[in-house]
Amino acid sequence: MLSETRYEHIILNEAHVPMIAGTTMKVVELVLDHLAYGWSPEELHFQHPDLTLGQIHSALAYYWDHKAELDYDIEQRLQVVDQLQQTMPSTSLAERLKARGRI
């Protein structure tokens, strides 16, 4: 069951995760592109041509209005990635790069 929000293009899925309506994209995924690459709404639209500028602006507005909550979600995701990287065995390439001080 999906829940509507006061943002025209944003819905909450069954797990109460904000999604861009009519897509499978989570708001946090678009926000990560915005934060990681510094992309403007226009650049986000160029990179995600399936999204409208209205959807993009709604997602960014939702982020700024729920920044603490979504920043916490991003931090949790980064911790999972860090844990996975620590449990993965090193590849020979990774070992060579470490030996050379590259990583």
Protein backbone atom coordinates (compact mmCIF):
# COMPACT_ATOMS: atom_id res chain seq x y z
CA MET A 1 0.00 0.00 0.00
CA LEU A 2 1.39 3.35 -1.03
CA SER A 3 0.88 6.56 0.93
CA GLU A 4 0.64 10.00 -0.58
CA THR A 5 2.68 12.90 0.74
CA ARG A 6 2.17 16.64 0.43
CA TYR A 7 4.78 16.57 -2.35
CA GLU A 8 3.10 16.13 -5.71
CA HIS A 9 5.59 13.60 -7.10
CA ILE A 10 6.62 11.79 -3.91
CA ILE A 11 4.93 8.76 -2.35
CA LEU A 12 5.84 6.51 0.55
CA ASN A 13 6.04 2.80 -0.20
CA GLU A 14 4.93 0.02 2.14
CA ALA A 15 8.12 0.40 4.20
CA HIS A 16 7.53 4.20 4.38
CA VAL A 17 10.48 4.86 2.07
CA PRO A 18 10.00 8.01 -0.04
CA MET A 19 9.82 7.15 -3.73
CA ILE A 20 9.40 9.21 -6.87
CA ALA A 21 5.83 8.51 -8.00
CA GLY A 22 5.50 6.43 -11.15
CA THR A 23 9.06 5.11 -10.88
CA THR A 24 11.07 2.62 -8.89
CA MET A 25 13.55 5.32 -7.81
CA LYS A 26 13.94 6.16 -4.15
CA VAL A 27 14.31 9.83 -3.27
CA VAL A 28 17.57 9.00 -1.49
CA GLU A 29 19.06 7.59 -4.71
CA LEU A 30 18.49 10.84 -6.57
CA VAL A 31 19.75 12.83 -3.58
CA LEU A 32 22.95 10.76 -3.53
CA ASP A 33 23.59 11.72 -7.16
CA HIS A 34 22.98 15.35 -6.26
CA LEU A 35 25.31 15.24 -3.25
CA ALA A 36 28.04 13.01 -4.68
CA TYR A 37 28.41 14.76 -8.01
CA GLY A 38 27.05 18.22 -7.23
CA TRP A 39 24.56 17.87 -10.06
CA SER A 40 21.97 20.60 -10.51
CA PRO A 41 18.34 19.68 -11.18
CA GLU A 42 19.01 20.19 -14.88
CA GLU A 43 22.01 17.85 -14.80
CA LEU A 44 20.02 15.30 -12.81
CA HIS A 45 17.38 15.50 -15.56
CA PHE A 46 20.07 14.97 -18.21
CA GLN A 47 21.40 11.94 -16.30
CA HIS A 48 17.90 10.59 -15.58
CA PRO A 49 15.88 11.54 -18.66
CA ASP A 50 13.02 9.32 -17.52
CA LEU A 51 12.36 11.80 -14.67
CA THR A 52 10.65 15.13 -15.15
CA LEU A 53 12.06 18.32 -13.70
CA GLY A 54 8.96 18.45 -11.50
CA GLN A 55 9.77 15.02 -10.06
CA ILE A 56 13.38 16.04 -9.49
CA HIS A 57 12.46 19.30 -7.78
CA SER A 58 9.90 17.50 -5.61
CA ALA A 59 12.51 14.92 -4.58
CA LEU A 60 15.03 17.62 -3.69
CA ALA A 61 12.39 19.61 -1.79
CA TYR A 62 11.45 16.46 0.11
CA TYR A 63 15.12 15.94 0.96
CA TRP A 64 15.62 19.47 2.30
CA ASP A 65 12.42 19.22 4.37
CA HIS A 66 13.45 15.78 5.75
CA LYS A 67 17.22 16.25 5.69
CA ALA A 68 18.06 14.70 9.08
CA GLU A 69 16.01 11.58 8.35
CA LEU A 70 17.46 11.05 4.88
CA ASP A 71 21.01 11.90 5.97
CA TYR A 72 20.66 9.19 8.62
CA ASP A 73 19.52 6.75 5.90
CA ILE A 74 22.55 7.70 3.78
CA GLU A 75 24.88 7.16 6.75
CA GLN A 76 23.35 3.72 7.38
CA ARG A 77 23.89 2.79 3.73
CA LEU A 78 27.53 3.89 3.90
CA GLN A 79 28.08 1.79 7.02
CA VAL A 80 26.71 -1.29 5.25
CA VAL A 81 29.07 -0.68 2.33
CA ASP A 82 32.01 -0.27 4.73
CA GLN A 83 31.11 -3.53 6.48
CA LEU A 84 30.83 -5.38 3.18
CA GLN A 85 34.19 -4.04 2.02
CA GLN A 86 35.84 -5.21 5.24
CA THR A 87 34.45 -8.73 4.88
CA MET A 88 35.34 -9.12 1.21
CA PRO A 89 38.64 -10.85 0.47
CA SER A 90 41.30 -8.70 -1.15
CA THR A 91 41.93 -9.25 -4.83
CA SER A 92 45.43 -9.48 -6.14
CA LEU A 93 44.98 -6.08 -7.80
CA ALA A 94 43.90 -4.54 -4.50
CA GLU A 95 46.90 -6.12 -2.77
CA ARG A 96 49.30 -4.75 -5.40
CA LEU A 97 47.78 -1.26 -5.14
CA LYS A 98 48.06 -1.37 -1.33
CA ALA A 99 51.68 -2.48 -1.57
CA ARG A 100 52.40 0.51 -3.80
CA GLY A 101 50.58 2.86 -1.44
CA ARG A 102 47.93 3.68 -4.03
CA ILE A 103 45.01 2.71 -1.80
